[in-house]
Amino acid sequence: MRVYRGRAGDPTPDRERTERMLSKARDGTPSVRVWAPPRQVAFGRRDAREPNYGTARRAAADAGYVPVERDVGGRAVGYTGWTLAFAAALPPDSDAAAGGIEGRYDRVSGTVASALETLGASVIDGEPAASFCPGAHSLRVAGSGGKVAGVAQRVRSDAVLVAGCLVVTREEAAALGSVLGPVYDALEVPFDPASVGCIEDAGGPPDHRSVARAVESGLVAMVRGDREPCGLRTAGGEPSDEPNHEPGDGRVDPSIETVRVGSEPW
């Protein structure tokens, strides 16, 4: 399997990196990516059908966020440039893709929640009212806290992508509430900026790299069917679409290829 690290400088080429993961899954190779996408507001197909969609896009641009349209039907999601995204591209006949749509949702949400718990964060299934990108497959701060993650899927006959977003710090949560307020107002969709939670509020560290690596390790273990998260070979050198073939150091699994596709902000 492959693990992709890093990001491109702009949203469009960055999304192309994830499309390449789907291409590999079609060929039978699963892959995982956890990264901080460039600053953007990603609109869903439902948003694009709204009469004031153009106004919503301008609101995002006026706040300094690139408006883009993604290939799933949910509502707008913001990325500050530090907000994390995660994705697992799976061959449809793999064990990790088993159980249909609901099985994959449960498996990935549970994996992300377990990874966050290893960092001291307490999260549960669900979301507050008037959350960003409202849906049934979300994680929130335990108790009555805000939404910290949402999960979506793209299902094709030859590959499956399970992906989501993850808010790490209070600063991020405030920034997302600020940009998404005018966006959702334009779309005439209920949104409460206070509904945005974060891992920091859940008792986890305000450390993007630690969170990214914990979630990455959990997703790799999920895809491989391991009981415990596995280590990866360290990716180094210049960004490339080819795997690093550095020798393992005895603590990691040499069969996992790490592909550096760009820089990381941490």
Protein backbone atom coordinates (compact mmCIF):
# COMPACT_ATOMS: atom_id res chain seq x y z
CA MET A 1 0.00 0.00 0.00
CA ARG A 2 0.98 3.65 -0.29
CA VAL A 3 0.89 6.61 2.07
CA TYR A 4 0.87 10.07 0.50
CA ARG A 5 2.27 13.05 2.41
CA GLY A 6 2.36 16.77 1.67
CA ARG A 7 0.27 19.13 -0.41
CA ALA A 8 0.41 21.16 -3.59
CA GLY A 9 0.43 24.95 -3.43
CA ASP A 10 -3.05 25.40 -4.93
CA PRO A 11 -6.35 23.53 -4.46
CA THR A 12 -6.69 22.17 -8.02
CA PRO A 13 -3.31 20.39 -8.27
CA ASP A 14 -3.72 19.30 -4.65
CA ARG A 15 -6.98 17.56 -5.51
CA GLU A 16 -5.24 15.86 -8.42
CA ARG A 17 -2.96 14.14 -5.89
CA THR A 18 -6.01 12.51 -4.32
CA GLU A 19 -7.34 11.52 -7.74
CA ARG A 20 -4.10 9.61 -8.28
CA MET A 21 -4.88 7.64 -5.15
CA LEU A 22 -8.12 6.50 -6.78
CA SER A 23 -6.19 5.47 -9.88
CA LYS A 24 -3.92 3.29 -7.75
CA ALA A 25 -6.93 1.79 -5.97
CA ARG A 26 -8.42 0.85 -9.35
CA ASP A 27 -5.18 -1.04 -9.99
CA GLY A 28 -5.50 -2.86 -6.66
CA THR A 29 -3.22 -0.72 -4.46
CA PRO A 30 -4.91 0.96 -1.45
CA SER A 31 -3.57 4.27 -0.17
CA VAL A 32 -3.94 6.70 2.70
CA ARG A 33 -3.39 10.45 2.88
CA VAL A 34 -3.62 12.83 5.87
CA TRP A 35 -2.62 16.42 5.07
CA ALA A 36 -3.45 20.11 5.41
CA PRO A 37 -4.97 21.26 2.10
CA PRO A 38 -4.37 24.80 0.82
CA ARG A 39 -6.76 27.48 2.10
CA GLN A 40 -10.15 27.05 0.42
CA VAL A 41 -13.89 26.64 0.81
CA ALA A 42 -14.95 23.42 -0.89
CA PHE A 43 -18.59 23.55 -2.01
CA GLY A 44 -20.69 20.44 -2.60
CA ARG A 45 -22.95 19.70 -5.54
CA ARG A 46 -26.01 20.72 -3.52
CA ASP A 47 -24.47 24.14 -2.96
CA ALA A 48 -23.85 24.58 -6.68
CA ARG A 49 -27.59 24.22 -7.35
CA GLU A 50 -28.56 27.02 -4.95
CA PRO A 51 -29.71 30.30 -6.51
CA ASN A 52 -27.19 32.35 -4.50
CA TYR A 53 -24.23 30.05 -5.13
CA GLY A 54 -22.31 32.85 -6.85
CA THR A 55 -22.78 35.09 -3.81
CA ALA A 56 -21.53 32.32 -1.53
CA ARG A 57 -18.42 31.87 -3.66
CA ARG A 58 -17.72 35.60 -3.53
CA ALA A 59 -18.10 35.57 0.25
CA ALA A 60 -15.43 32.88 0.47
CA ALA A 61 -13.11 34.73 -1.91
CA ASP A 62 -13.60 38.02 -0.05
CA ALA A 63 -12.41 36.27 3.12
CA GLY A 64 -9.25 35.07 1.38
CA TYR A 65 -10.38 31.49 0.68
CA VAL A 66 -10.29 29.96 -2.78
CA PRO A 67 -13.79 28.70 -3.71
CA VAL A 68 -13.75 25.23 -5.28
CA GLU A 69 -16.39 22.61 -6.02
CA ARG A 70 -15.93 19.03 -4.88
CA ASP A 71 -17.39 15.83 -6.28
CA VAL A 72 -19.74 14.95 -3.42
CA GLY A 73 -23.16 16.23 -2.56
CA GLY A 74 -22.69 17.73 0.90
CA ARG A 75 -22.45 21.34 2.00
CA ALA A 76 -19.51 23.73 2.14
CA VAL A 77 -16.40 22.83 4.12
CA GLY A 78 -13.60 25.27 4.94
CA TYR A 79 -9.86 24.65 5.18
CA THR A 80 -7.68 27.33 6.74
CA GLY A 81 -4.40 25.98 5.38
CA TRP A 82 -3.90 24.11 8.66
CA THR A 83 -7.22 22.26 8.89
CA LEU A 84 -6.55 18.57 8.26
CA ALA A 85 -8.09 16.34 5.63
CA PHE A 86 -7.86 12.56 5.54
CA ALA A 87 -8.57 10.06 2.79
CA ALA A 88 -8.42 6.31 2.21
CA ALA A 89 -8.65 5.05 -1.38
CA LEU A 90 -9.68 1.40 -1.45
CA PRO A 91 -10.15 -1.34 -4.03
CA PRO A 92 -13.86 -2.25 -3.80
CA ASP A 93 -13.12 -5.94 -3.11
CA SER A 94 -10.72 -5.23 -0.23
CA ASP A 95 -11.54 -6.07 3.38
CA ALA A 96 -11.32 -2.39 4.32
CA ALA A 97 -14.09 -1.59 1.81
CA ALA A 98 -16.37 -4.38 3.03
CA GLY A 99 -19.76 -3.79 4.60
CA GLY A 100 -21.11 -1.31 2.09
CA ILE A 101 -21.42 2.42 2.61
CA GLU A 102 -22.49 2.24 6.26
CA GLY A 103 -19.82 -0.29 7.12
CA ARG A 104 -17.11 1.95 5.68
CA TYR A 105 -18.49 5.00 7.47
CA ASP A 106 -18.48 3.17 10.79
CA ARG A 107 -14.99 1.75 10.23
CA VAL A 108 -13.35 5.03 9.25
CA SER A 109 -15.14 7.14 11.88
CA GLY A 110 -14.20 4.62 14.54
CA THR A 111 -10.59 4.58 13.37
CA VAL A 112 -10.32 8.37 13.49
CA ALA A 113 -11.97 8.53 16.92
CA SER A 114 -9.62 5.86 18.27
CA ALA A 115 -6.59 7.70 16.88
CA LEU A 116 -7.72 10.91 18.58
CA GLU A 117 -8.27 9.07 21.86
CA THR A 118 -4.61 7.96 21.83
CA LEU A 119 -3.77 11.68 21.94
CA GLY A 120 -6.09 12.34 24.88
CA ALA A 121 -9.02 13.75 22.89
CA SER A 122 -12.51 12.65 23.90
CA VAL A 123 -14.87 12.60 20.89
CA ILE A 124 -18.18 10.90 20.14
CA ASP A 125 -20.41 10.32 17.13
CA GLY A 126 -22.74 13.15 16.18
CA GLU A 127 -22.83 16.90 15.65
CA PRO A 128 -24.57 19.98 17.06
CA ALA A 129 -27.48 21.64 15.31
CA ALA A 130 -26.57 24.03 12.48
CA SER A 131 -23.14 22.50 11.89
CA PHE A 132 -20.99 22.97 8.80
CA CYS A 133 -21.61 20.27 6.15
CA PRO A 134 -24.37 18.67 8.25
CA GLY A 135 -24.65 14.91 8.02
CA ALA A 136 -25.07 11.66 9.91
CA HIS A 137 -21.38 10.77 9.90
CA SER A 138 -19.59 13.27 12.12
CA LEU A 139 -17.53 13.43 15.29
CA ARG A 140 -17.97 16.02 18.02
CA VAL A 141 -16.37 16.95 21.32
CA ALA A 142 -17.74 14.57 23.98
CA GLY A 143 -20.64 15.95 25.96
CA SER A 144 -22.26 18.80 24.09
CA GLY A 145 -19.23 20.13 22.23
CA GLY A 146 -18.73 21.25 18.68
CA LYS A 147 -18.16 19.28 15.50
CA VAL A 148 -14.54 18.33 14.92
CA ALA A 149 -14.81 16.00 11.90
CA GLY A 150 -17.07 14.97 9.06
CA VAL A 151 -16.79 11.98 6.74
CA ALA A 152 -17.97 11.51 3.15
CA GLN A 153 -17.59 8.87 0.43
CA ARG A 154 -17.17 8.64 -3.32
CA VAL A 155 -18.15 5.21 -4.58
CA ARG A 156 -17.27 3.93 -8.03
CA SER A 157 -17.47 0.45 -9.49
CA ASP A 158 -13.68 0.12 -9.45
CA ALA A 159 -12.62 2.19 -6.40
CA VAL A 160 -13.89 3.76 -3.19
CA LEU A 161 -12.70 6.96 -1.50
CA VAL A 162 -13.61 7.60 2.15
CA ALA A 163 -12.51 11.07 3.17
CA GLY A 164 -13.12 13.79 5.70
CA CYS A 165 -11.94 16.93 7.48
CA LEU A 166 -10.58 17.47 10.98
CA VAL A 167 -10.38 20.71 12.99
CA VAL A 168 -7.40 20.75 15.36
CA THR A 169 -7.14 24.09 17.20
CA ARG A 170 -9.41 26.74 18.70
CA GLU A 171 -7.84 29.33 16.40
CA GLU A 172 -8.87 27.22 13.40
CA ALA A 173 -12.39 26.72 14.71
CA ALA A 174 -12.84 30.48 15.11
CA ALA A 175 -11.49 31.15 11.62
CA LEU A 176 -13.80 28.56 10.08
CA GLY A 177 -16.80 29.96 11.90
CA SER A 178 -15.92 33.41 10.58
CA VAL A 179 -15.57 32.42 6.92
CA LEU A 180 -18.44 29.94 6.80
CA GLY A 181 -20.98 32.28 8.42
CA PRO A 182 -21.39 34.53 5.35
CA VAL A 183 -21.10 31.53 3.02
CA TYR A 184 -23.98 29.67 4.67
CA ASP A 185 -26.00 32.87 4.97
CA ALA A 186 -25.75 33.31 1.19
CA LEU A 187 -26.81 29.69 0.65
CA GLU A 188 -29.68 30.18 3.14
CA VAL A 189 -28.57 27.12 5.09
CA PRO A 190 -28.60 27.24 8.93
CA PHE A 191 -25.14 27.54 10.43
CA ASP A 192 -23.96 28.46 13.94
CA PRO A 193 -20.27 29.48 14.11
CA ALA A 194 -20.22 28.23 17.71
CA SER A 195 -20.97 24.71 16.43
CA VAL A 196 -17.39 24.36 15.13
CA GLY A 197 -15.37 22.38 17.64
CA CYS A 198 -11.77 21.20 17.65
CA ILE A 199 -9.48 18.53 19.00
CA GLU A 200 -7.97 21.05 21.41
CA ASP A 201 -11.42 21.51 23.01
CA ALA A 202 -11.69 17.72 23.29
CA GLY A 203 -8.52 17.53 25.37
CA GLY A 204 -6.12 16.69 22.55
CA PRO A 205 -2.96 18.56 21.58
CA PRO A 206 -3.06 21.70 19.40
CA ASP A 207 -0.36 20.05 17.29
CA HIS A 208 -1.25 19.38 13.66
CA ARG A 209 1.66 17.08 12.96
CA SER A 210 0.93 14.82 15.94
CA VAL A 211 -2.74 14.59 15.00
CA ALA A 212 -1.97 13.94 11.33
CA ARG A 213 0.49 11.16 12.11
CA ALA A 214 -1.85 9.50 14.62
CA VAL A 215 -4.76 9.47 12.17
CA GLU A 216 -2.46 8.34 9.35
CA SER A 217 -1.16 5.44 11.42
CA GLY A 218 -4.68 4.41 12.40
CA LEU A 219 -5.95 4.47 8.81
CA VAL A 220 -2.94 2.47 7.60
CA ALA A 221 -3.65 -0.18 10.23
CA MET A 222 -7.34 -0.20 9.26
CA VAL A 223 -6.56 -0.70 5.57
CA ARG A 224 -4.08 -3.47 6.32
CA GLY A 225 -6.31 -5.16 8.88
CA ASP A 226 -3.72 -4.78 11.65
CA ARG A 227 -4.68 -4.81 15.29
CA GLU A 228 -2.29 -1.99 16.14
CA PRO A 229 -1.17 1.11 14.20
CA CYS A 230 1.98 0.50 12.16
CA GLY A 231 5.03 2.62 11.58
CA LEU A 232 6.02 4.00 8.21
CA ARG A 233 9.26 4.59 6.48
CA THR A 234 10.20 8.22 6.73
CA ALA A 235 9.63 10.15 3.53
CA GLY A 236 12.38 12.54 2.53
CA GLY A 237 13.87 14.37 -0.39
CA GLU A 238 12.08 16.34 -3.07
CA PRO A 239 8.33 15.98 -3.72
CA SER A 240 7.61 13.12 -6.12
CA ASP A 241 4.79 10.89 -7.28
CA GLU A 242 7.08 7.89 -6.87
CA PRO A 243 7.58 6.02 -3.58
CA ASN A 244 10.64 6.47 -1.43
CA HIS A 245 12.59 3.22 -1.28
CA GLU A 246 14.63 4.00 1.81
CA PRO A 247 15.58 0.93 3.83
CA GLY A 248 13.50 0.18 6.91
CA ASP A 249 15.10 0.67 10.31
CA GLY A 250 13.63 -2.40 11.98
CA ARG A 251 10.81 -0.47 13.65
CA VAL A 252 8.62 0.03 10.59
CA ASP A 253 7.02 -2.09 7.90
CA PRO A 254 9.15 -1.89 4.75
CA SER A 255 6.17 -2.88 2.56
CA ILE A 256 4.45 0.48 3.12
CA GLU A 257 5.59 3.02 0.53
CA THR A 258 5.57 6.68 1.48
CA VAL A 259 5.10 9.10 -1.42
CA ARG A 260 6.02 12.75 -0.91
CA VAL A 261 3.73 14.85 -3.13
CA GLY A 262 4.51 18.27 -1.67
CA SER A 263 5.50 20.19 1.44
CA GLU A 264 3.83 20.11 4.84
CA PRO A 265 3.09 23.29 6.84
CA TRP A 266 4.55 21.96 10.11
